Amino acid sequence: MIYTYTLCWKYQLVRAKYKVTRVQPVDMFPQTHHVENVVLLELKV
């Protein structure tokens, strides 16, 4: 599981080459408060 803070931190490492195209929260654990994020990155041209 990647926490939001970790996701942001790791994105800082690649943001020069990639941009966020889409973020989709996914409820993989329905009876809990946990929500995962799927992030689509697109290579900058």
C-alpha atoms as a PDB file:
ATOM      1  CA  MET A   1       0.000   0.000   0.000  1.00  0.00           C
ATOM      2  CA  ILE A   2       1.298   3.448  -0.892  1.00  0.00           C
ATOM      3  CA  TYR A   3       0.117   6.225   1.360  1.00  0.00           C
ATOM      4  CA  THR A   4      -0.851   9.571  -0.141  1.00  0.00           C
ATOM      5  CA  TYR A   5       2.206  11.254   1.366  1.00  0.00           C
ATOM      6  CA  THR A   6       4.486   8.578  -0.099  1.00  0.00           C
ATOM      7  CA  LEU A   7       2.753   8.828  -3.462  1.00  0.00           C
ATOM      8  CA  CYS A   8       3.363  12.585  -3.535  1.00  0.00           C
ATOM      9  CA  TRP A   9       6.973  12.155  -2.455  1.00  0.00           C
ATOM     10  CA  LYS A  10       7.667   9.537  -5.129  1.00  0.00           C
ATOM     11  CA  TYR A  11       5.954  11.637  -7.782  1.00  0.00           C
ATOM     12  CA  GLN A  12       8.405  14.445  -7.000  1.00  0.00           C
ATOM     13  CA  LEU A  13      11.173  12.107  -8.172  1.00  0.00           C
ATOM     14  CA  VAL A  14       9.664  11.630 -11.654  1.00  0.00           C
ATOM     15  CA  ARG A  15       7.663  14.819 -12.236  1.00  0.00           C
ATOM     16  CA  ALA A  16      10.292  16.271 -14.583  1.00  0.00           C
ATOM     17  CA  LYS A  17       9.528  13.495 -17.094  1.00  0.00           C
ATOM     18  CA  TYR A  18       5.928  12.534 -16.269  1.00  0.00           C
ATOM     19  CA  LYS A  19       2.659  14.324 -15.656  1.00  0.00           C
ATOM     20  CA  VAL A  20      -0.384  13.037 -13.808  1.00  0.00           C
ATOM     21  CA  THR A  21      -3.157  12.314 -16.281  1.00  0.00           C
ATOM     22  CA  ARG A  22      -5.702  10.751 -13.957  1.00  0.00           C
ATOM     23  CA  VAL A  23      -6.182   9.703 -10.348  1.00  0.00           C
ATOM     24  CA  GLN A  24      -8.800   7.098  -9.460  1.00  0.00           C
ATOM     25  CA  PRO A  25      -9.568   6.089  -5.880  1.00  0.00           C
ATOM     26  CA  VAL A  26     -10.375   2.383  -5.556  1.00  0.00           C
ATOM     27  CA  ASP A  27     -12.155   0.862  -2.568  1.00  0.00           C
ATOM     28  CA  MET A  28     -10.439  -2.528  -2.373  1.00  0.00           C
ATOM     29  CA  PHE A  29     -11.418  -3.085   1.263  1.00  0.00           C
ATOM     30  CA  PRO A  30     -15.165  -2.313   1.378  1.00  0.00           C
ATOM     31  CA  GLN A  31     -15.764  -2.640   5.111  1.00  0.00           C
ATOM     32  CA  THR A  32     -12.849  -0.388   6.133  1.00  0.00           C
ATOM     33  CA  HIS A  33     -11.808   3.232   5.708  1.00  0.00           C
ATOM     34  CA  HIS A  34      -8.878   2.297   3.434  1.00  0.00           C
ATOM     35  CA  VAL A  35      -8.926   3.548  -0.142  1.00  0.00           C
ATOM     36  CA  GLU A  36      -6.176   2.920  -2.679  1.00  0.00           C
ATOM     37  CA  ASN A  37      -5.233   5.399  -5.410  1.00  0.00           C
ATOM     38  CA  VAL A  38      -4.435   4.400  -8.973  1.00  0.00           C
ATOM     39  CA  VAL A  39      -2.476   7.097 -10.780  1.00  0.00           C
ATOM     40  CA  LEU A  40      -2.007   7.268 -14.530  1.00  0.00           C
ATOM     41  CA  LEU A  41       1.235   9.001 -15.500  1.00  0.00           C
ATOM     42  CA  GLU A  42       1.926  10.235 -19.004  1.00  0.00           C
ATOM     43  CA  LEU A  43       5.393  10.825 -20.407  1.00  0.00           C
ATOM     44  CA  LYS A  44       5.957  14.513 -21.156  1.00  0.00           C
ATOM     45  CA  VAL A  45       6.939  15.255 -24.721  1.00  0.00           C
END
